[in-house]
Amino acid sequence: MKRLGYSGGLKGCEKQLGLHRGELDGVDGYFAVLLWDEFKKTNSRKALETLLAYNIMDTVNLESLMVIAYNLNLQKTPFSQSHCLTVPEAPDIPFRADPRIIDKIKGEWGPPVSFP
């Protein structure tokens, strides 16, 4: 993606290309660790389901990014019309993120700290 002018890791590329995460917007890999810790500490099914939804969303969006990157690279070739792939539709995800558990953990840890 970087060679195509996109940066910011998975989440940054998703945003630049209009891929949305819904309830999981703003949840990152570090937050996933906090969700796992919350589940281990409290046995909260909501924390586990939110983590599973996050992990599935990563996988689903990676496939979409792969297809988008392929198609963008293909535009530089004479095969752009005949070999273009359709971006897959997102499947139904069996787990739902719980905004209350996200807010709870965000409240416990405060806003993320950014370093220069």
PDB file of N, CA and C in Angstrom:
ATOM      1  N   MET A   1       0.828  -1.191   0.000  1.00  0.00           N
ATOM      2  CA  MET A   1       0.000   0.000   0.000  1.00  0.00           C
ATOM      3  C   MET A   1       0.873   1.256   0.000  1.00  0.00           C
ATOM      4  N   LYS A   2       2.002   1.162   0.675  1.00  0.00           N
ATOM      5  CA  LYS A   2       2.893   2.323   0.740  1.00  0.00           C
ATOM      6  C   LYS A   2       3.373   2.722  -0.649  1.00  0.00           C
ATOM      7  N   ARG A   3       3.702   1.746  -1.478  1.00  0.00           N
ATOM      8  CA  ARG A   3       4.141   2.022  -2.839  1.00  0.00           C
ATOM      9  C   ARG A   3       3.041   2.712  -3.650  1.00  0.00           C
ATOM     10  N   LEU A   4       1.805   2.514  -3.247  1.00  0.00           N
ATOM     11  CA  LEU A   4       0.674   3.143  -3.926  1.00  0.00           C
ATOM     12  C   LEU A   4       0.312   4.498  -3.325  1.00  0.00           C
ATOM     13  N   GLY A   5       1.053   4.921  -2.290  1.00  0.00           N
ATOM     14  CA  GLY A   5       0.828   6.229  -1.688  1.00  0.00           C
ATOM     15  C   GLY A   5      -0.015   6.220  -0.431  1.00  0.00           C
ATOM     16  N   TYR A   6      -0.255   5.043   0.127  1.00  0.00           N
ATOM     17  CA  TYR A   6      -1.052   4.934   1.348  1.00  0.00           C
ATOM     18  C   TYR A   6      -0.137   4.602   2.517  1.00  0.00           C
ATOM     19  N   SER A   7      -0.478   5.141   3.687  1.00  0.00           N
ATOM     20  CA  SER A   7       0.337   4.865   4.865  1.00  0.00           C
ATOM     21  C   SER A   7      -0.563   4.845   6.092  1.00  0.00           C
ATOM     22  N   GLY A   8       0.048   4.527   7.225  1.00  0.00           N
ATOM     23  CA  GLY A   8      -0.702   4.524   8.476  1.00  0.00           C
ATOM     24  C   GLY A   8      -1.113   3.144   8.924  1.00  0.00           C
ATOM     25  N   GLY A   9      -0.490   2.114   8.372  1.00  0.00           N
ATOM     26  CA  GLY A   9      -0.852   0.761   8.761  1.00  0.00           C
ATOM     27  C   GLY A   9      -2.235   0.387   8.260  1.00  0.00           C
ATOM     28  N   LEU A  10      -2.731  -0.716   8.748  1.00  0.00           N
ATOM     29  CA  LEU A  10      -4.026  -1.235   8.309  1.00  0.00           C
ATOM     30  C   LEU A  10      -5.138  -0.215   8.531  1.00  0.00           C
ATOM     31  N   LYS A  11      -5.227   0.331   9.737  1.00  0.00           N
ATOM     32  CA  LYS A  11      -6.319   1.260  10.047  1.00  0.00           C
ATOM     33  C   LYS A  11      -6.226   2.537   9.213  1.00  0.00           C
ATOM     34  N   GLY A  12      -5.004   3.052   9.016  1.00  0.00           N
ATOM     35  CA  GLY A  12      -4.822   4.257   8.219  1.00  0.00           C
ATOM     36  C   GLY A  12      -5.218   4.041   6.772  1.00  0.00           C
ATOM     37  N   CYS A  13      -4.806   2.913   6.201  1.00  0.00           N
ATOM     38  CA  CYS A  13      -5.171   2.606   4.814  1.00  0.00           C
ATOM     39  C   CYS A  13      -6.681   2.425   4.674  1.00  0.00           C
ATOM     40  N   GLU A  14      -7.287   1.767   5.648  1.00  0.00           N
ATOM     41  CA  GLU A  14      -8.741   1.590   5.617  1.00  0.00           C
ATOM     42  C   GLU A  14      -9.441   2.944   5.532  1.00  0.00           C
ATOM     43  N   LYS A  15      -9.044   3.863   6.394  1.00  0.00           N
ATOM     44  CA  LYS A  15      -9.688   5.186   6.419  1.00  0.00           C
ATOM     45  C   LYS A  15      -9.504   5.912   5.101  1.00  0.00           C
ATOM     46  N   GLN A  16      -8.281   5.880   4.564  1.00  0.00           N
ATOM     47  CA  GLN A  16      -8.004   6.579   3.316  1.00  0.00           C
ATOM     48  C   GLN A  16      -8.810   6.011   2.149  1.00  0.00           C
ATOM     49  N   LEU A  17      -9.161   4.736   2.221  1.00  0.00           N
ATOM     50  CA  LEU A  17      -9.901   4.090   1.139  1.00  0.00           C
ATOM     51  C   LEU A  17     -11.395   3.956   1.430  1.00  0.00           C
ATOM     52  N   GLY A  18     -11.840   4.518   2.540  1.00  0.00           N
ATOM     53  CA  GLY A  18     -13.274   4.520   2.843  1.00  0.00           C
ATOM     54  C   GLY A  18     -13.817   3.229   3.409  1.00  0.00           C
ATOM     55  N   LEU A  19     -12.954   2.388   3.959  1.00  0.00           N
ATOM     56  CA  LEU A  19     -13.424   1.173   4.623  1.00  0.00           C
ATOM     57  C   LEU A  19     -13.738   1.532   6.071  1.00  0.00           C
ATOM     58  N   HIS A  20     -14.934   1.190   6.513  1.00  0.00           N
ATOM     59  CA  HIS A  20     -15.385   1.599   7.841  1.00  0.00           C
ATOM     60  C   HIS A  20     -15.432   0.413   8.793  1.00  0.00           C
ATOM     61  N   ARG A  21     -15.275   0.713  10.071  1.00  0.00           N
ATOM     62  CA  ARG A  21     -15.302  -0.308  11.112  1.00  0.00           C
ATOM     63  C   ARG A  21     -16.493  -0.158  12.050  1.00  0.00           C
ATOM     64  N   GLY A  22     -17.346   0.801  11.816  1.00  0.00           N
ATOM     65  CA  GLY A  22     -18.523   0.972  12.661  1.00  0.00           C
ATOM     66  C   GLY A  22     -18.170   1.170  14.117  1.00  0.00           C
ATOM     67  N   GLU A  23     -18.739   0.339  14.962  1.00  0.00           N
ATOM     68  CA  GLU A  23     -18.529   0.436  16.413  1.00  0.00           C
ATOM     69  C   GLU A  23     -17.053   0.306  16.791  1.00  0.00           C
ATOM     70  N   LEU A  24     -16.259  -0.287  15.916  1.00  0.00           N
ATOM     71  CA  LEU A  24     -14.854  -0.541  16.213  1.00  0.00           C
ATOM     72  C   LEU A  24     -13.935   0.571  15.730  1.00  0.00           C
ATOM     73  N   ASP A  25     -14.495   1.653  15.255  1.00  0.00           N
ATOM     74  CA  ASP A  25     -13.669   2.773  14.811  1.00  0.00           C
ATOM     75  C   ASP A  25     -12.844   3.284  15.997  1.00  0.00           C
ATOM     76  N   GLY A  26     -11.544   3.398  15.793  1.00  0.00           N
ATOM     77  CA  GLY A  26     -10.670   3.863  16.859  1.00  0.00           C
ATOM     78  C   GLY A  26     -10.089   2.757  17.727  1.00  0.00           C
ATOM     79  N   VAL A  27     -10.555   1.537  17.539  1.00  0.00           N
ATOM     80  CA  VAL A  27     -10.011   0.405  18.284  1.00  0.00           C
ATOM     81  C   VAL A  27      -8.806  -0.118  17.501  1.00  0.00           C
ATOM     82  N   ASP A  28      -7.664  -0.244  18.189  1.00  0.00           N
ATOM     83  CA  ASP A  28      -6.436  -0.682  17.519  1.00  0.00           C
ATOM     84  C   ASP A  28      -5.879  -1.926  18.202  1.00  0.00           C
ATOM     85  N   GLY A  29      -4.697  -2.341  17.775  1.00  0.00           N
ATOM     86  CA  GLY A  29      -4.086  -3.557  18.317  1.00  0.00           C
ATOM     87  C   GLY A  29      -3.835  -3.486  19.810  1.00  0.00           C
ATOM     88  N   TYR A  30      -3.420  -2.330  20.292  1.00  0.00           N
ATOM     89  CA  TYR A  30      -3.201  -2.185  21.739  1.00  0.00           C
ATOM     90  C   TYR A  30      -4.528  -2.337  22.485  1.00  0.00           C
ATOM     91  N   PHE A  31      -5.572  -1.759  21.927  1.00  0.00           N
ATOM     92  CA  PHE A  31      -6.889  -1.863  22.548  1.00  0.00           C
ATOM     93  C   PHE A  31      -7.349  -3.321  22.573  1.00  0.00           C
ATOM     94  N   ALA A  32      -6.970  -4.083  21.537  1.00  0.00           N
ATOM     95  CA  ALA A  32      -7.316  -5.513  21.512  1.00  0.00           C
ATOM     96  C   ALA A  32      -6.704  -6.229  22.711  1.00  0.00           C
ATOM     97  N   VAL A  33      -5.474  -5.856  23.067  1.00  0.00           N
ATOM     98  CA  VAL A  33      -4.826  -6.436  24.250  1.00  0.00           C
ATOM     99  C   VAL A  33      -5.623  -6.075  25.506  1.00  0.00           C
ATOM    100  N   LEU A  34      -6.093  -4.841  25.576  1.00  0.00           N
ATOM    101  CA  LEU A  34      -6.895  -4.413  26.737  1.00  0.00           C
ATOM    102  C   LEU A  34      -8.211  -5.181  26.801  1.00  0.00           C
ATOM    103  N   LEU A  35      -8.812  -5.460  25.650  1.00  0.00           N
ATOM    104  CA  LEU A  35     -10.042  -6.261  25.632  1.00  0.00           C
ATOM    105  C   LEU A  35      -9.769  -7.673  26.161  1.00  0.00           C
ATOM    106  N   TRP A  36      -8.653  -8.253  25.738  1.00  0.00           N
ATOM    107  CA  TRP A  36      -8.298  -9.590  26.217  1.00  0.00           C
ATOM    108  C   TRP A  36      -8.072  -9.578  27.727  1.00  0.00           C
ATOM    109  N   ASP A  37      -7.364  -8.557  28.201  1.00  0.00           N
ATOM    110  CA  ASP A  37      -7.138  -8.436  29.646  1.00  0.00           C
ATOM    111  C   ASP A  37      -8.457  -8.299  30.396  1.00  0.00           C
ATOM    112  N   GLU A  38      -9.367  -7.511  29.848  1.00  0.00           N
ATOM    113  CA  GLU A  38     -10.689  -7.341  30.479  1.00  0.00           C
ATOM    114  C   GLU A  38     -11.426  -8.673  30.539  1.00  0.00           C
ATOM    115  N   PHE A  39     -11.360  -9.431  29.454  1.00  0.00           N
ATOM    116  CA  PHE A  39     -12.012 -10.738  29.448  1.00  0.00           C
ATOM    117  C   PHE A  39     -11.397 -11.665  30.497  1.00  0.00           C
ATOM    118  N   LYS A  40     -10.068 -11.722  30.544  1.00  0.00           N
ATOM    119  CA  LYS A  40      -9.411 -12.604  31.524  1.00  0.00           C
ATOM    120  C   LYS A  40      -9.736 -12.193  32.955  1.00  0.00           C
ATOM    121  N   LYS A  41      -9.784 -10.875  33.182  1.00  0.00           N
ATOM    122  CA  LYS A  41     -10.012 -10.363  34.536  1.00  0.00           C
ATOM    123  C   LYS A  41     -11.458 -10.553  34.990  1.00  0.00           C
ATOM    124  N   THR A  42     -12.423 -10.322  34.090  1.00  0.00           N
ATOM    125  CA  THR A  42     -13.828 -10.292  34.497  1.00  0.00           C
ATOM    126  C   THR A  42     -14.677 -11.400  33.892  1.00  0.00           C
ATOM    127  N   ASN A  43     -14.090 -12.168  32.947  1.00  0.00           N
ATOM    128  CA  ASN A  43     -14.838 -13.188  32.214  1.00  0.00           C
ATOM    129  C   ASN A  43     -16.020 -12.573  31.461  1.00  0.00           C
ATOM    130  N   SER A  44     -15.858 -11.339  31.021  1.00  0.00           N
ATOM    131  CA  SER A  44     -16.919 -10.616  30.323  1.00  0.00           C
ATOM    132  C   SER A  44     -17.098 -11.134  28.893  1.00  0.00           C
ATOM    133  N   ARG A  45     -18.251 -11.697  28.641  1.00  0.00           N
ATOM    134  CA  ARG A  45     -18.552 -12.182  27.282  1.00  0.00           C
ATOM    135  C   ARG A  45     -18.557 -11.017  26.294  1.00  0.00           C
ATOM    136  N   LYS A  46     -18.979  -9.840  26.754  1.00  0.00           N
ATOM    137  CA  LYS A  46     -19.006  -8.647  25.885  1.00  0.00           C
ATOM    138  C   LYS A  46     -17.594  -8.259  25.444  1.00  0.00           C
ATOM    139  N   ALA A  47     -16.632  -8.356  26.356  1.00  0.00           N
ATOM    140  CA  ALA A  47     -15.244  -8.035  26.005  1.00  0.00           C
ATOM    141  C   ALA A  47     -14.715  -9.039  24.979  1.00  0.00           C
ATOM    142  N   LEU A  48     -15.012 -10.317  25.184  1.00  0.00           N
ATOM    143  CA  LEU A  48     -14.554 -11.351  24.255  1.00  0.00           C
ATOM    144  C   LEU A  48     -15.204 -11.179  22.881  1.00  0.00           C
ATOM    145  N   GLU A  49     -16.502 -10.938  22.841  1.00  0.00           N
ATOM    146  CA  GLU A  49     -17.188 -10.754  21.559  1.00  0.00           C
ATOM    147  C   GLU A  49     -16.675  -9.521  20.824  1.00  0.00           C
ATOM    148  N   THR A  50     -16.375  -8.460  21.564  1.00  0.00           N
ATOM    149  CA  THR A  50     -15.830  -7.253  20.949  1.00  0.00           C
ATOM    150  C   THR A  50     -14.454  -7.545  20.362  1.00  0.00           C
ATOM    151  N   LEU A  51     -13.646  -8.291  21.080  1.00  0.00           N
ATOM    152  CA  LEU A  51     -12.320  -8.679  20.584  1.00  0.00           C
ATOM    153  C   LEU A  51     -12.440  -9.555  19.335  1.00  0.00           C
ATOM    154  N   LEU A  52     -13.338 -10.514  19.356  1.00  0.00           N
ATOM    155  CA  LEU A  52     -13.527 -11.380  18.188  1.00  0.00           C
ATOM    156  C   LEU A  52     -14.022 -10.578  16.983  1.00  0.00           C
ATOM    157  N   ALA A  53     -14.932  -9.645  17.213  1.00  0.00           N
ATOM    158  CA  ALA A  53     -15.419  -8.787  16.129  1.00  0.00           C
ATOM    159  C   ALA A  53     -14.262  -7.974  15.547  1.00  0.00           C
ATOM    160  N   TYR A  54     -13.398  -7.462  16.421  1.00  0.00           N
ATOM    161  CA  TYR A  54     -12.233  -6.691  15.987  1.00  0.00           C
ATOM    162  C   TYR A  54     -11.305  -7.552  15.123  1.00  0.00           C
ATOM    163  N   ASN A  55     -11.014  -8.761  15.580  1.00  0.00           N
ATOM    164  CA  ASN A  55     -10.113  -9.649  14.843  1.00  0.00           C
ATOM    165  C   ASN A  55     -10.685 -10.038  13.484  1.00  0.00           C
ATOM    166  N   ILE A  56     -11.966 -10.316  13.445  1.00  0.00           N
ATOM    167  CA  ILE A  56     -12.602 -10.666  12.172  1.00  0.00           C
ATOM    168  C   ILE A  56     -12.578  -9.467  11.229  1.00  0.00           C
ATOM    169  N   MET A  57     -12.840  -8.268  11.756  1.00  0.00           N
ATOM    170  CA  MET A  57     -12.823  -7.075  10.922  1.00  0.00           C
ATOM    171  C   MET A  57     -11.439  -6.849  10.316  1.00  0.00           C
ATOM    172  N   ASP A  58     -10.381  -7.102  11.087  1.00  0.00           N
ATOM    173  CA  ASP A  58      -9.020  -7.013  10.546  1.00  0.00           C
ATOM    174  C   ASP A  58      -8.871  -7.925   9.330  1.00  0.00           C
ATOM    175  N   THR A  59      -9.301  -9.157   9.471  1.00  0.00           N
ATOM    176  CA  THR A  59      -9.155 -10.143   8.404  1.00  0.00           C
ATOM    177  C   THR A  59      -9.990  -9.778   7.181  1.00  0.00           C
ATOM    178  N   VAL A  60     -11.224  -9.386   7.397  1.00  0.00           N
ATOM    179  CA  VAL A  60     -12.112  -9.017   6.300  1.00  0.00           C
ATOM    180  C   VAL A  60     -11.548  -7.808   5.544  1.00  0.00           C
ATOM    181  N   ASN A  61     -11.099  -6.797   6.278  1.00  0.00           N
ATOM    182  CA  ASN A  61     -10.583  -5.600   5.625  1.00  0.00           C
ATOM    183  C   ASN A  61      -9.239  -5.839   4.935  1.00  0.00           C
ATOM    184  N   LEU A  62      -8.443  -6.768   5.458  1.00  0.00           N
ATOM    185  CA  LEU A  62      -7.195  -7.114   4.780  1.00  0.00           C
ATOM    186  C   LEU A  62      -7.469  -7.686   3.389  1.00  0.00           C
ATOM    187  N   GLU A  63      -8.495  -8.510   3.283  1.00  0.00           N
ATOM    188  CA  GLU A  63      -8.844  -9.052   1.966  1.00  0.00           C
ATOM    189  C   GLU A  63      -9.252  -7.927   1.017  1.00  0.00           C
ATOM    190  N   SER A  64     -10.076  -7.005   1.502  1.00  0.00           N
ATOM    191  CA  SER A  64     -10.495  -5.879   0.655  1.00  0.00           C
ATOM    192  C   SER A  64      -9.300  -5.034   0.235  1.00  0.00           C
ATOM    193  N   LEU A  65      -8.388  -4.757   1.174  1.00  0.00           N
ATOM    194  CA  LEU A  65      -7.196  -3.976   0.847  1.00  0.00           C
ATOM    195  C   LEU A  65      -6.327  -4.687  -0.186  1.00  0.00           C
ATOM    196  N   MET A  66      -6.227  -5.999  -0.086  1.00  0.00           N
ATOM    197  CA  MET A  66      -5.447  -6.765  -1.045  1.00  0.00           C
ATOM    198  C   MET A  66      -6.033  -6.619  -2.449  1.00  0.00           C
ATOM    199  N   VAL A  67      -7.342  -6.713  -2.564  1.00  0.00           N
ATOM    200  CA  VAL A  67      -7.994  -6.591  -3.866  1.00  0.00           C
ATOM    201  C   VAL A  67      -7.833  -5.174  -4.407  1.00  0.00           C
ATOM    202  N   ILE A  68      -7.997  -4.178  -3.553  1.00  0.00           N
ATOM    203  CA  ILE A  68      -7.832  -2.782  -3.976  1.00  0.00           C
ATOM    204  C   ILE A  68      -6.400  -2.545  -4.454  1.00  0.00           C
ATOM    205  N   ALA A  69      -5.420  -3.034  -3.709  1.00  0.00           N
ATOM    206  CA  ALA A  69      -4.015  -2.855  -4.094  1.00  0.00           C
ATOM    207  C   ALA A  69      -3.733  -3.565  -5.418  1.00  0.00           C
ATOM    208  N   TYR A  70      -4.246  -4.754  -5.574  1.00  0.00           N
ATOM    209  CA  TYR A  70      -4.076  -5.490  -6.828  1.00  0.00           C
ATOM    210  C   TYR A  70      -4.640  -4.689  -7.994  1.00  0.00           C
ATOM    211  N   ASN A  71      -5.872  -4.190  -7.835  1.00  0.00           N
ATOM    212  CA  ASN A  71      -6.513  -3.432  -8.912  1.00  0.00           C
ATOM    213  C   ASN A  71      -5.764  -2.137  -9.226  1.00  0.00           C
ATOM    214  N   LEU A  72      -5.283  -1.456  -8.212  1.00  0.00           N
ATOM    215  CA  LEU A  72      -4.523  -0.220  -8.440  1.00  0.00           C
ATOM    216  C   LEU A  72      -3.213  -0.512  -9.177  1.00  0.00           C
ATOM    217  N   ASN A  73      -2.541  -1.576  -8.805  1.00  0.00           N
ATOM    218  CA  ASN A  73      -1.321  -1.961  -9.511  1.00  0.00           C
ATOM    219  C   ASN A  73      -1.629  -2.422 -10.936  1.00  0.00           C
ATOM    220  N   LEU A  74      -2.747  -3.075 -11.112  1.00  0.00           N
ATOM    221  CA  LEU A  74      -3.156  -3.572 -12.424  1.00  0.00           C
ATOM    222  C   LEU A  74      -3.415  -2.436 -13.411  1.00  0.00           C
ATOM    223  N   GLN A  75      -3.825  -1.264 -12.898  1.00  0.00           N
ATOM    224  CA  GLN A  75      -4.101  -0.122 -13.773  1.00  0.00           C
ATOM    225  C   GLN A  75      -2.874   0.306 -14.570  1.00  0.00           C
ATOM    226  N   LYS A  76      -1.708  -0.058 -14.103  1.00  0.00           N
ATOM    227  CA  LYS A  76      -0.454   0.308 -14.778  1.00  0.00           C
ATOM    228  C   LYS A  76      -0.110  -0.676 -15.896  1.00  0.00           C
ATOM    229  N   THR A  77      -0.972  -1.636 -16.134  1.00  0.00           N
ATOM    230  CA  THR A  77      -0.701  -2.677 -17.132  1.00  0.00           C
ATOM    231  C   THR A  77      -1.778  -2.658 -18.215  1.00  0.00           C
ATOM    232  N   PRO A  78      -1.546  -3.349 -19.306  1.00  0.00           N
ATOM    233  CA  PRO A  78      -2.589  -3.442 -20.342  1.00  0.00           C
ATOM    234  C   PRO A  78      -3.731  -4.389 -19.959  1.00  0.00           C
ATOM    235  N   PHE A  79      -3.668  -4.984 -18.778  1.00  0.00           N
ATOM    236  CA  PHE A  79      -4.680  -5.957 -18.362  1.00  0.00           C
ATOM    237  C   PHE A  79      -5.715  -5.387 -17.406  1.00  0.00           C
ATOM    238  N   SER A  80      -5.736  -4.065 -17.251  1.00  0.00           N
ATOM    239  CA  SER A  80      -6.591  -3.463 -16.230  1.00  0.00           C
ATOM    240  C   SER A  80      -8.077  -3.738 -16.442  1.00  0.00           C
ATOM    241  N   GLN A  81      -8.504  -3.895 -17.667  1.00  0.00           N
ATOM    242  CA  GLN A  81      -9.929  -4.174 -17.911  1.00  0.00           C
ATOM    243  C   GLN A  81     -10.268  -5.661 -17.779  1.00  0.00           C
ATOM    244  N   SER A  82      -9.364  -6.506 -18.217  1.00  0.00           N
ATOM    245  CA  SER A  82      -9.684  -7.935 -18.279  1.00  0.00           C
ATOM    246  C   SER A  82      -9.378  -8.716 -16.996  1.00  0.00           C
ATOM    247  N   HIS A  83      -8.538  -8.167 -16.126  1.00  0.00           N
ATOM    248  CA  HIS A  83      -8.126  -8.937 -14.947  1.00  0.00           C
ATOM    249  C   HIS A  83      -8.490  -8.259 -13.625  1.00  0.00           C
ATOM    250  N   CYS A  84      -9.314  -7.250 -13.671  1.00  0.00           N
ATOM    251  CA  CYS A  84      -9.712  -6.518 -12.470  1.00  0.00           C
ATOM    252  C   CYS A  84     -10.580  -7.418 -11.579  1.00  0.00           C
ATOM    253  N   LEU A  85     -10.356  -7.344 -10.287  1.00  0.00           N
ATOM    254  CA  LEU A  85     -11.144  -8.122  -9.325  1.00  0.00           C
ATOM    255  C   LEU A  85     -12.199  -7.247  -8.667  1.00  0.00           C
ATOM    256  N   THR A  86     -13.280  -7.850  -8.279  1.00  0.00           N
ATOM    257  CA  THR A  86     -14.327  -7.147  -7.547  1.00  0.00           C
ATOM    258  C   THR A  86     -13.987  -7.174  -6.062  1.00  0.00           C
ATOM    259  N   VAL A  87     -14.078  -6.014  -5.416  1.00  0.00           N
ATOM    260  CA  VAL A  87     -13.841  -5.958  -3.973  1.00  0.00           C
ATOM    261  C   VAL A  87     -14.954  -6.761  -3.301  1.00  0.00           C
ATOM    262  N   PRO A  88     -14.587  -7.702  -2.455  1.00  0.00           N
ATOM    263  CA  PRO A  88     -15.610  -8.554  -1.832  1.00  0.00           C
ATOM    264  C   PRO A  88     -16.504  -7.769  -0.879  1.00  0.00           C
ATOM    265  N   GLU A  89     -17.741  -8.191  -0.815  1.00  0.00           N
ATOM    266  CA  GLU A  89     -18.654  -7.602   0.164  1.00  0.00           C
ATOM    267  C   GLU A  89     -18.327  -8.191   1.531  1.00  0.00           C
ATOM    268  N   ALA A  90     -18.488  -7.363   2.536  1.00  0.00           N
ATOM    269  CA  ALA A  90     -18.220  -7.834   3.900  1.00  0.00           C
ATOM    270  C   ALA A  90     -19.234  -8.912   4.275  1.00  0.00           C
ATOM    271  N   PRO A  91     -18.753 -10.003   4.834  1.00  0.00           N
ATOM    272  CA  PRO A  91     -19.680 -11.059   5.266  1.00  0.00           C
ATOM    273  C   PRO A  91     -20.381 -10.649   6.555  1.00  0.00           C
ATOM    274  N   ASP A  92     -21.405 -11.391   6.890  1.00  0.00           N
ATOM    275  CA  ASP A  92     -22.023 -11.187   8.192  1.00  0.00           C
ATOM    276  C   ASP A  92     -21.033 -11.655   9.252  1.00  0.00           C
ATOM    277  N   ILE A  93     -20.800 -10.806  10.218  1.00  0.00           N
ATOM    278  CA  ILE A  93     -19.874 -11.142  11.300  1.00  0.00           C
ATOM    279  C   ILE A  93     -20.702 -11.634  12.484  1.00  0.00           C
ATOM    280  N   PRO A  94     -20.405 -12.829  12.965  1.00  0.00           N
ATOM    281  CA  PRO A  94     -21.243 -13.400  14.021  1.00  0.00           C
ATOM    282  C   PRO A  94     -21.073 -12.758  15.392  1.00  0.00           C
ATOM    283  N   PHE A  95     -20.073 -11.889  15.537  1.00  0.00           N
ATOM    284  CA  PHE A  95     -19.838 -11.231  16.814  1.00  0.00           C
ATOM    285  C   PHE A  95     -20.074  -9.742  16.673  1.00  0.00           C
ATOM    286  N   ARG A  96     -20.554  -9.117  17.728  1.00  0.00           N
ATOM    287  CA  ARG A  96     -20.830  -7.680  17.717  1.00  0.00           C
ATOM    288  C   ARG A  96     -19.986  -6.986  18.770  1.00  0.00           C
ATOM    289  N   ALA A  97     -19.437  -5.864  18.369  1.00  0.00           N
ATOM    290  CA  ALA A  97     -18.704  -5.034  19.323  1.00  0.00           C
ATOM    291  C   ALA A  97     -19.711  -4.374  20.251  1.00  0.00           C
ATOM    292  N   ASP A  98     -19.360  -4.288  21.500  1.00  0.00           N
ATOM    293  CA  ASP A  98     -20.212  -3.643  22.486  1.00  0.00           C
ATOM    294  C   ASP A  98     -19.649  -2.260  22.797  1.00  0.00           C
ATOM    295  N   PRO A  99     -20.348  -1.195  22.369  1.00  0.00           N
ATOM    296  CA  PRO A  99     -19.829   0.157  22.599  1.00  0.00           C
ATOM    297  C   PRO A  99     -19.633   0.479  24.082  1.00  0.00           C
ATOM    298  N   ARG A 100     -20.415  -0.151  24.955  1.00  0.00           N
ATOM    299  CA  ARG A 100     -20.262   0.119  26.393  1.00  0.00           C
ATOM    300  C   ARG A 100     -18.937  -0.411  26.925  1.00  0.00           C
ATOM    301  N   ILE A 101     -18.529  -1.597  26.458  1.00  0.00           N
ATOM    302  CA  ILE A 101     -17.256  -2.138  26.937  1.00  0.00           C
ATOM    303  C   ILE A 101     -16.095  -1.325  26.355  1.00  0.00           C
ATOM    304  N   ILE A 102     -16.258  -0.854  25.124  1.00  0.00           N
ATOM    305  CA  ILE A 102     -15.231   0.008  24.516  1.00  0.00           C
ATOM    306  C   ILE A 102     -15.106   1.301  25.313  1.00  0.00           C
ATOM    307  N   ASP A 103     -16.239   1.917  25.614  1.00  0.00           N
ATOM    308  CA  ASP A 103     -16.214   3.163  26.401  1.00  0.00           C
ATOM    309  C   ASP A 103     -15.640   2.928  27.793  1.00  0.00           C
ATOM    310  N   LYS A 104     -15.982   1.797  28.402  1.00  0.00           N
ATOM    311  CA  LYS A 104     -15.473   1.473  29.741  1.00  0.00           C
ATOM    312  C   LYS A 104     -13.949   1.398  29.725  1.00  0.00           C
ATOM    313  N   ILE A 105     -13.412   0.674  28.765  1.00  0.00           N
ATOM    314  CA  ILE A 105     -11.952   0.514  28.711  1.00  0.00           C
ATOM    315  C   ILE A 105     -11.287   1.834  28.331  1.00  0.00           C
ATOM    316  N   LYS A 106     -11.874   2.569  27.410  1.00  0.00           N
ATOM    317  CA  LYS A 106     -11.316   3.882  27.064  1.00  0.00           C
ATOM    318  C   LYS A 106     -11.296   4.789  28.289  1.00  0.00           C
ATOM    319  N   GLY A 107     -12.339   4.717  29.097  1.00  0.00           N
ATOM    320  CA  GLY A 107     -12.410   5.533  30.306  1.00  0.00           C
ATOM    321  C   GLY A 107     -11.351   5.158  31.322  1.00  0.00           C
ATOM    322  N   GLU A 108     -11.056   3.862  31.410  1.00  0.00           N
ATOM    323  CA  GLU A 108     -10.047   3.396  32.366  1.00  0.00           C
ATOM    324  C   GLU A 108      -8.641   3.804  31.931  1.00  0.00           C
ATOM    325  N   TRP A 109      -8.396   3.834  30.639  1.00  0.00           N
ATOM    326  CA  TRP A 109      -7.043   4.080  30.133  1.00  0.00           C
ATOM    327  C   TRP A 109      -6.845   5.493  29.627  1.00  0.00           C
ATOM    328  N   GLY A 110      -7.923   6.260  29.484  1.00  0.00           N
ATOM    329  CA  GLY A 110      -7.794   7.634  29.014  1.00  0.00           C
ATOM    330  C   GLY A 110      -7.464   7.665  27.530  1.00  0.00           C
ATOM    331  N   PRO A 111      -7.298   8.882  27.003  1.00  0.00           N
ATOM    332  CA  PRO A 111      -7.012   9.002  25.576  1.00  0.00           C
ATOM    333  C   PRO A 111      -5.613   8.458  25.259  1.00  0.00           C
ATOM    334  N   PRO A 112      -5.432   7.954  24.019  1.00  0.00           N
ATOM    335  CA  PRO A 112      -4.111   7.435  23.664  1.00  0.00           C
ATOM    336  C   PRO A 112      -3.071   8.523  23.660  1.00  0.00           C
ATOM    337  N   VAL A 113      -1.860   8.163  24.005  1.00  0.00           N
ATOM    338  CA  VAL A 113      -0.751   9.100  24.017  1.00  0.00           C
ATOM    339  C   VAL A 113      -0.011   8.953  22.702  1.00  0.00           C
ATOM    340  N   SER A 114       0.264  10.090  22.039  1.00  0.00           N
ATOM    341  CA  SER A 114       1.033  10.003  20.800  1.00  0.00           C
ATOM    342  C   SER A 114       2.422  10.563  21.048  1.00  0.00           C
ATOM    343  N   PHE A 115       3.370   9.938  20.418  1.00  0.00           N
ATOM    344  CA  PHE A 115       4.764  10.350  20.555  1.00  0.00           C
ATOM    345  C   PHE A 115       5.236  10.938  19.232  1.00  0.00           C
ATOM    346  N   PRO A 116       6.110  11.960  19.294  1.00  0.00           N
ATOM    347  CA  PRO A 116       6.594  12.565  18.038  1.00  0.00           C
ATOM    348  C   PRO A 116       7.402  11.605  17.205  1.00  0.00           C
TER     349      PRO A 116
END
